[in-house]
C-alpha atoms as a PDB file:
ATOM      1  CA  MET A   1      -5.288  51.877 -26.431  1.00  0.00           C
ATOM      2  CA  ALA A   2      -8.773  52.670 -24.980  1.00  0.00           C
ATOM      3  CA  GLU A   3     -10.202  53.369 -28.390  1.00  0.00           C
ATOM      4  CA  GLY A   4      -9.030  49.873 -29.674  1.00  0.00           C
ATOM      5  CA  GLU A   5     -10.423  48.098 -26.544  1.00  0.00           C
ATOM      6  CA  ASN A   6     -13.868  49.821 -27.093  1.00  0.00           C
ATOM      7  CA  ARG A   7     -13.769  48.950 -30.955  1.00  0.00           C
ATOM      8  CA  SER A   8     -13.137  45.136 -29.976  1.00  0.00           C
ATOM      9  CA  THR A   9     -15.588  45.325 -27.369  1.00  0.00           C
ATOM     10  CA  ASN A  10     -18.540  46.502 -29.663  1.00  0.00           C
ATOM     11  CA  LEU A  11     -17.312  44.285 -32.362  1.00  0.00           C
ATOM     12  CA  LEU A  12     -17.721  41.419 -29.960  1.00  0.00           C
ATOM     13  CA  ALA A  13     -21.249  42.724 -28.951  1.00  0.00           C
ATOM     14  CA  ALA A  14     -22.055  42.988 -32.400  1.00  0.00           C
ATOM     15  CA  GLU A  15     -21.134  39.490 -33.403  1.00  0.00           C
ATOM     16  CA  THR A  16     -22.779  37.941 -30.232  1.00  0.00           C
ATOM     17  CA  ALA A  17     -25.923  39.851 -31.026  1.00  0.00           C
ATOM     18  CA  SER A  18     -25.677  38.371 -34.684  1.00  0.00           C
ATOM     19  CA  LEU A  19     -25.154  35.050 -33.499  1.00  0.00           C
ATOM     20  CA  GLU A  20     -27.944  34.952 -31.056  1.00  0.00           C
ATOM     21  CA  GLU A  21     -30.144  35.758 -33.912  1.00  0.00           C
ATOM     22  CA  GLN A  22     -29.325  33.117 -36.367  1.00  0.00           C
ATOM     23  CA  PRO A  23     -29.814  29.840 -34.693  1.00  0.00           C
ATOM     24  CA  GLN A  24     -33.645  29.753 -35.071  1.00  0.00           C
ATOM     25  CA  GLY A  25     -34.885  26.768 -32.695  1.00  0.00           C
ATOM     26  CA  TRP A  26     -31.264  25.887 -32.201  1.00  0.00           C
ATOM     27  CA  GLY A  27     -31.261  28.173 -28.782  1.00  0.00           C
ATOM     28  CA  GLU A  28     -32.912  25.289 -26.715  1.00  0.00           C
ATOM     29  CA  VAL A  29     -30.541  22.306 -28.297  1.00  0.00           C
ATOM     30  CA  MET A  30     -27.593  24.760 -27.366  1.00  0.00           C
ATOM     31  CA  LEU A  31     -28.770  25.083 -23.626  1.00  0.00           C
ATOM     32  CA  MET A  32     -29.376  21.387 -23.431  1.00  0.00           C
ATOM     33  CA  ALA A  33     -26.023  20.700 -24.639  1.00  0.00           C
ATOM     34  CA  ASP A  34     -24.493  23.319 -22.421  1.00  0.00           C
ATOM     35  CA  LYS A  35     -25.926  21.640 -19.466  1.00  0.00           C
ATOM     36  CA  VAL A  36     -24.450  18.138 -20.466  1.00  0.00           C
ATOM     37  CA  LEU A  37     -21.181  19.410 -21.330  1.00  0.00           C
ATOM     38  CA  ARG A  38     -20.810  21.242 -18.041  1.00  0.00           C
ATOM     39  CA  TRP A  39     -21.836  18.068 -16.247  1.00  0.00           C
ATOM     40  CA  GLU A  40     -24.785  19.683 -14.283  1.00  0.00           C
ATOM     41  CA  ARG A  41     -25.867  16.241 -13.431  1.00  0.00           C
ATOM     42  CA  ALA A  42     -23.640  13.318 -11.929  1.00  0.00           C
ATOM     43  CA  TRP A  43     -24.488  10.828 -14.900  1.00  0.00           C
ATOM     44  CA  PHE A  44     -23.916  13.070 -17.916  1.00  0.00           C
ATOM     45  CA  PRO A  45     -20.169  12.375 -18.547  1.00  0.00           C
ATOM     46  CA  PRO A  46     -20.936   8.573 -18.594  1.00  0.00           C
ATOM     47  CA  ALA A  47     -23.749   9.007 -20.671  1.00  0.00           C
ATOM     48  CA  VAL A  48     -21.773  11.287 -23.165  1.00  0.00           C
ATOM     49  CA  MET A  49     -19.026   8.248 -23.336  1.00  0.00           C
ATOM     50  CA  ARG A  50     -21.645   5.803 -23.705  1.00  0.00           C
ATOM     51  CA  VAL A  51     -23.463   7.547 -26.479  1.00  0.00           C
ATOM     52  CA  VAL A  52     -20.117   8.141 -28.324  1.00  0.00           C
ATOM     53  CA  SER A  53     -18.844   4.614 -27.544  1.00  0.00           C
ATOM     54  CA  LEU A  54     -21.938   3.233 -29.191  1.00  0.00           C
ATOM     55  CA  VAL A  55     -21.464   5.424 -32.350  1.00  0.00           C
ATOM     56  CA  PHE A  56     -17.990   4.448 -32.946  1.00  0.00           C
ATOM     57  CA  LEU A  57     -18.697   0.701 -32.343  1.00  0.00           C
ATOM     58  CA  THR A  58     -21.426   1.037 -34.878  1.00  0.00           C
ATOM     59  CA  ILE A  59     -18.949   2.723 -37.613  1.00  0.00           C
ATOM     60  CA  TYR A  60     -16.468   0.071 -36.646  1.00  0.00           C
ATOM     61  CA  TYR A  61     -18.883  -2.949 -37.016  1.00  0.00           C
ATOM     62  CA  LEU A  62     -20.491  -1.575 -40.303  1.00  0.00           C
ATOM     63  CA  ASP A  63     -17.021  -0.625 -41.488  1.00  0.00           C
ATOM     64  CA  PRO A  64     -18.464   1.801 -44.443  1.00  0.00           C
ATOM     65  CA  SER A  65     -16.485   3.404 -47.107  1.00  0.00           C
ATOM     66  CA  VAL A  66     -15.198   6.981 -46.730  1.00  0.00           C
ATOM     67  CA  LEU A  67     -17.573   8.384 -49.088  1.00  0.00           C
ATOM     68  CA  SER A  68     -20.391   6.521 -47.187  1.00  0.00           C
ATOM     69  CA  ARG A  69     -19.392   8.090 -44.008  1.00  0.00           C
ATOM     70  CA  VAL A  70     -19.180  11.702 -45.473  1.00  0.00           C
ATOM     71  CA  SER A  71     -22.701  11.344 -47.149  1.00  0.00           C
ATOM     72  CA  CYS A  72     -24.202   9.926 -43.756  1.00  0.00           C
ATOM     73  CA  PHE A  73     -22.443  12.550 -41.943  1.00  0.00           C
ATOM     74  CA  VAL A  74     -23.961  15.411 -44.345  1.00  0.00           C
ATOM     75  CA  MET A  75     -27.381  13.658 -44.587  1.00  0.00           C
ATOM     76  CA  PHE A  76     -27.547  13.755 -40.801  1.00  0.00           C
ATOM     77  CA  LEU A  77     -26.857  17.333 -40.693  1.00  0.00           C
ATOM     78  CA  CYS A  78     -29.546  18.291 -43.347  1.00  0.00           C
ATOM     79  CA  LEU A  79     -32.031  16.182 -41.266  1.00  0.00           C
ATOM     80  CA  ALA A  80     -30.734  18.095 -38.321  1.00  0.00           C
ATOM     81  CA  ASP A  81     -31.158  21.510 -39.720  1.00  0.00           C
ATOM     82  CA  TYR A  82     -34.542  20.708 -41.105  1.00  0.00           C
ATOM     83  CA  LEU A  83     -36.270  18.981 -38.347  1.00  0.00           C
ATOM     84  CA  VAL A  84     -34.680  20.987 -35.159  1.00  0.00           C
ATOM     85  CA  PRO A  85     -36.379  24.273 -35.848  1.00  0.00           C
ATOM     86  CA  ILE A  86     -39.689  22.359 -36.022  1.00  0.00           C
ATOM     87  CA  LEU A  87     -39.304  19.928 -33.342  1.00  0.00           C
ATOM     88  CA  ALA A  88     -37.416  21.838 -30.608  1.00  0.00           C
ATOM     89  CA  PRO A  89     -39.725  24.508 -29.745  1.00  0.00           C
ATOM     90  CA  ARG A  90     -42.484  21.628 -29.388  1.00  0.00           C
ATOM     91  CA  ILE A  91     -40.337  19.502 -27.019  1.00  0.00           C
ATOM     92  CA  PHE A  92     -38.640  22.171 -25.041  1.00  0.00           C
ATOM     93  CA  GLY A  93     -41.052  25.020 -25.264  1.00  0.00           C
ATOM     94  CA  SER A  94     -39.214  28.085 -26.287  1.00  0.00           C
ATOM     95  CA  SER A  95     -41.968  30.309 -24.807  1.00  0.00           C
ATOM     96  CA  LYS A  96     -41.047  29.177 -21.433  1.00  0.00           C
ATOM     97  CA  TRP A  97     -38.011  30.715 -21.432  1.00  0.00           C
ATOM     98  CA  THR A  98     -36.735  32.560 -18.101  1.00  0.00           C
ATOM     99  CA  THR A  99     -34.247  35.360 -17.662  1.00  0.00           C
ATOM    100  CA  GLU A 100     -31.684  33.023 -16.514  1.00  0.00           C
ATOM    101  CA  GLN A 101     -31.953  31.027 -19.615  1.00  0.00           C
ATOM    102  CA  GLN A 102     -31.449  33.848 -21.680  1.00  0.00           C
ATOM    103  CA  GLU A 103     -28.613  35.177 -20.051  1.00  0.00           C
ATOM    104  CA  ARG A 104     -26.886  31.868 -20.118  1.00  0.00           C
ATOM    105  CA  PHE A 105     -27.743  31.459 -24.207  1.00  0.00           C
ATOM    106  CA  HIS A 106     -26.171  35.172 -24.445  1.00  0.00           C
ATOM    107  CA  GLU A 107     -23.097  33.882 -22.555  1.00  0.00           C
ATOM    108  CA  ILE A 108     -22.526  30.854 -24.821  1.00  0.00           C
ATOM    109  CA  CYS A 109     -22.987  33.014 -27.939  1.00  0.00           C
ATOM    110  CA  SER A 110     -20.406  35.211 -26.557  1.00  0.00           C
ATOM    111  CA  ASN A 111     -18.037  32.504 -25.779  1.00  0.00           C
ATOM    112  CA  LEU A 112     -18.390  31.081 -29.113  1.00  0.00           C
ATOM    113  CA  VAL A 113     -17.470  34.465 -30.669  1.00  0.00           C
ATOM    114  CA  LYS A 114     -14.608  34.739 -28.308  1.00  0.00           C
ATOM    115  CA  THR A 115     -13.388  31.274 -29.191  1.00  0.00           C
ATOM    116  CA  GLN A 116     -13.237  32.254 -32.995  1.00  0.00           C
ATOM    117  CA  HIS A 117     -11.637  35.312 -32.282  1.00  0.00           C
ATOM    118  CA  ARG A 118      -8.795  33.481 -30.298  1.00  0.00           C
ATOM    119  CA  ALA A 119      -8.502  31.029 -33.550  1.00  0.00           C
ATOM    120  CA  VAL A 120      -8.352  33.613 -35.916  1.00  0.00           C
ATOM    121  CA  GLY A 121      -5.758  35.136 -33.639  1.00  0.00           C
ATOM    122  CA  TRP A 122      -3.593  32.423 -33.460  1.00  0.00           C
ATOM    123  CA  TRP A 123      -3.643  31.847 -37.149  1.00  0.00           C
ATOM    124  CA  LYS A 124      -2.588  35.393 -37.742  1.00  0.00           C
ATOM    125  CA  ARG A 125       0.136  35.003 -35.166  1.00  0.00           C
ATOM    126  CA  LEU A 126       1.414  32.085 -37.256  1.00  0.00           C
ATOM    127  CA  PHE A 127       1.582  34.100 -40.336  1.00  0.00           C
ATOM    128  CA  ILE A 128       3.380  36.919 -38.285  1.00  0.00           C
ATOM    129  CA  LEU A 129       5.797  34.274 -36.983  1.00  0.00           C
ATOM    130  CA  ARG A 130       6.308  32.961 -40.553  1.00  0.00           C
ATOM    131  CA  GLU A 131       7.128  36.405 -41.849  1.00  0.00           C
ATOM    132  CA  GLU A 132       9.295  37.871 -38.977  1.00  0.00           C
ATOM    133  CA  LYS A 133      11.157  34.256 -38.018  1.00  0.00           C
ATOM    134  CA  PRO A 134      10.928  31.971 -40.726  1.00  0.00           C
ATOM    135  CA  LYS A 135      13.426  29.641 -39.412  1.00  0.00           C
ATOM    136  CA  MET A 136      11.656  29.313 -36.039  1.00  0.00           C
ATOM    137  CA  TYR A 137       8.266  29.226 -37.908  1.00  0.00           C
ATOM    138  CA  PHE A 138      10.058  26.039 -39.978  1.00  0.00           C
ATOM    139  CA  MET A 139      11.476  24.355 -37.246  1.00  0.00           C
ATOM    140  CA  THR A 140       8.030  24.785 -35.152  1.00  0.00           C
ATOM    141  CA  MET A 141       6.046  23.792 -37.948  1.00  0.00           C
ATOM    142  CA  ILE A 142       8.226  20.250 -38.837  1.00  0.00           C
ATOM    143  CA  ILE A 143       8.722  19.422 -35.006  1.00  0.00           C
ATOM    144  CA  SER A 144       4.910  19.515 -34.445  1.00  0.00           C
ATOM    145  CA  LEU A 145       4.028  17.814 -37.559  1.00  0.00           C
ATOM    146  CA  ALA A 146       6.389  15.232 -37.264  1.00  0.00           C
ATOM    147  CA  ALA A 147       5.230  14.628 -33.638  1.00  0.00           C
ATOM    148  CA  VAL A 148       1.726  14.434 -34.639  1.00  0.00           C
ATOM    149  CA  ALA A 149       2.514  11.769 -37.406  1.00  0.00           C
ATOM    150  CA  TRP A 150       4.426   9.850 -35.090  1.00  0.00           C
ATOM    151  CA  VAL A 151       1.466   9.963 -32.688  1.00  0.00           C
ATOM    152  CA  GLY A 152      -0.938   8.834 -35.712  1.00  0.00           C
ATOM    153  CA  GLN A 153       1.622   5.952 -36.532  1.00  0.00           C
ATOM    154  CA  GLN A 154       1.626   4.598 -33.270  1.00  0.00           C
ATOM    155  CA  VAL A 155      -2.163   4.688 -32.306  1.00  0.00           C
ATOM    156  CA  GLN A 156      -4.765   3.041 -34.986  1.00  0.00           C
ATOM    157  CA  ASN A 157      -6.984   5.526 -36.564  1.00  0.00           C
ATOM    158  CA  TRP A 158     -10.347   4.923 -34.994  1.00  0.00           C
ATOM    159  CA  LEU A 159      -9.060   4.743 -31.282  1.00  0.00           C
ATOM    160  CA  LEU A 160      -7.132   8.012 -31.854  1.00  0.00           C
ATOM    161  CA  THR A 161     -10.330   9.578 -33.043  1.00  0.00           C
ATOM    162  CA  TYR A 162     -12.233   8.202 -30.424  1.00  0.00           C
ATOM    163  CA  LEU A 163      -9.945   9.531 -27.617  1.00  0.00           C
ATOM    164  CA  ILE A 164      -9.653  12.832 -29.186  1.00  0.00           C
ATOM    165  CA  VAL A 165     -13.567  13.136 -29.681  1.00  0.00           C
ATOM    166  CA  ILE A 166     -14.148  12.100 -26.083  1.00  0.00           C
ATOM    167  CA  PHE A 167     -11.605  14.544 -24.842  1.00  0.00           C
ATOM    168  CA  LEU A 168     -13.114  17.435 -26.559  1.00  0.00           C
ATOM    169  CA  LEU A 169     -16.736  16.483 -25.237  1.00  0.00           C
ATOM    170  CA  LEU A 170     -15.420  15.901 -21.913  1.00  0.00           C
ATOM    171  CA  PHE A 171     -13.172  18.969 -21.685  1.00  0.00           C
ATOM    172  CA  PRO A 172     -15.740  21.770 -20.924  1.00  0.00           C
ATOM    173  CA  GLY A 173     -16.846  19.636 -17.677  1.00  0.00           C
ATOM    174  CA  LEU A 174     -13.005  18.998 -17.018  1.00  0.00           C
ATOM    175  CA  ASN A 175     -12.758  22.804 -16.811  1.00  0.00           C
ATOM    176  CA  GLN A 176     -15.991  23.656 -15.270  1.00  0.00           C
ATOM    177  CA  HIS A 177     -15.212  21.398 -12.273  1.00  0.00           C
ATOM    178  CA  GLY A 178     -11.775  22.714 -11.901  1.00  0.00           C
ATOM    179  CA  ILE A 179     -10.356  19.312 -12.599  1.00  0.00           C
ATOM    180  CA  THR A 180      -7.930  20.403 -15.723  1.00  0.00           C
ATOM    181  CA  LEU A 181      -6.548  23.295 -13.537  1.00  0.00           C
ATOM    182  CA  LYS A 182      -5.699  20.794 -10.928  1.00  0.00           C
ATOM    183  CA  TYR A 183      -3.642  18.347 -13.124  1.00  0.00           C
ATOM    184  CA  ILE A 184      -2.277  21.334 -14.774  1.00  0.00           C
ATOM    185  CA  GLY A 185      -0.990  22.652 -11.692  1.00  0.00           C
ATOM    186  CA  MET A 186       0.270  19.104 -10.502  1.00  0.00           C
ATOM    187  CA  ALA A 187       2.068  18.701 -13.752  1.00  0.00           C
ATOM    188  CA  LYS A 188       3.551  22.422 -13.210  1.00  0.00           C
ATOM    189  CA  ARG A 189       4.944  21.372  -9.748  1.00  0.00           C
ATOM    190  CA  GLU A 190       6.489  18.268 -11.150  1.00  0.00           C
ATOM    191  CA  ILE A 191       8.308  20.047 -13.687  1.00  0.00           C
ATOM    192  CA  ASN A 192       9.584  22.529 -11.145  1.00  0.00           C
ATOM    193  CA  LYS A 193      10.547  19.690  -8.842  1.00  0.00           C
ATOM    194  CA  LEU A 194      12.707  18.313 -11.517  1.00  0.00           C
ATOM    195  CA  LEU A 195      14.348  21.441 -12.708  1.00  0.00           C
ATOM    196  CA  LYS A 196      15.143  22.296  -8.960  1.00  0.00           C
ATOM    197  CA  GLN A 197      16.464  18.792  -8.735  1.00  0.00           C
ATOM    198  CA  LYS A 198      18.558  19.093 -12.123  1.00  0.00           C
ATOM    199  CA  GLU A 199      20.124  22.636 -10.997  1.00  0.00           C
ATOM    200  CA  LYS A 200      21.195  21.259  -7.562  1.00  0.00           C
ATOM    201  CA  LYS A 201      22.927  18.348  -9.279  1.00  0.00           C
ATOM    202  CA  MET A 202      24.651  21.033 -11.566  1.00  0.00           C
ATOM    203  CA  ASN A 203      25.391  23.039  -8.583  1.00  0.00           C
ATOM    204  CA  ASN A 204      26.786  19.958  -6.799  1.00  0.00           C
ATOM    205  CA  ALA A 205      29.068  18.975  -9.763  1.00  0.00           C
ATOM    206  CA  SER A 206      30.246  22.537 -10.207  1.00  0.00           C
ATOM    207  CA  ALA A 207      31.207  22.388  -6.638  1.00  0.00           C
ATOM    208  CA  LEU A 208      32.872  19.162  -6.928  1.00  0.00           C
ATOM    209  CA  PHE A 209      34.799  20.411  -9.890  1.00  0.00           C
ATOM    210  CA  GLY A 210      36.127  23.465  -8.126  1.00  0.00           C
ATOM    211  CA  LEU A 211      37.115  21.498  -5.267  1.00  0.00           C
ATOM    212  CA  VAL A 212      39.201  19.170  -7.417  1.00  0.00           C
ATOM    213  CA  GLU A 213      40.695  21.976  -9.331  1.00  0.00           C
ATOM    214  CA  ILE A 214      41.949  23.448  -5.847  1.00  0.00           C
ATOM    215  CA  GLN A 215      43.383  20.405  -4.810  1.00  0.00           C
ATOM    216  CA  THR A 216      45.103  19.980  -8.102  1.00  0.00           C
ATOM    217  CA  CYS A 217      46.403  23.712  -7.672  1.00  0.00           C
ATOM    218  CA  GLN A 218      47.667  22.980  -3.974  1.00  0.00           C
ATOM    219  CA  VAL A 219      49.373  19.571  -5.154  1.00  0.00           C
ATOM    220  CA  ASN A 220      51.434  21.532  -8.121  1.00  0.00           C
END
């Protein structure tokens, strides 16, 4: 068990070190994006929402075809891949990195690797469920996909995409400031309250039913 944990830790460290070496010129951008996503300043969340809203409004107004959207997106990625390594050191000054920034960059890369491992782990669990419990796998997939299809049918495509993008971009900040845990705790309390009320009603009904049975037996 300990050997497996050590192997996993070593693999995580190796992949993190490899990831740190790959994004040449992107380190400064990743640190800045991390600050924005974690809401280090109060005006970051509304700024993110405004930028995303502007992008979606522009696309909605221009109404390009699917092929044009894909082409523009890939073109933007190519431009970013070419320009960021050139402009980032001049704008941010990579030579001025502090120990704190280096540690934060290492933590970001480590979190990205852990997220990748979690995603792969969930994917493997899905196939294990498919092999060991095919009926449960089938019912789970059908119900989940049907629910997603129903939501997609009820909400307009661009609005649903906009809400998903906004949620994904705001989620790190919500998690960082404990807002996510707060509302999850509230939801759990409400669910527990409902379950207790339901259990109380069932107990009252059972007691009433038992009383009726006793009275019926006495009459007989």
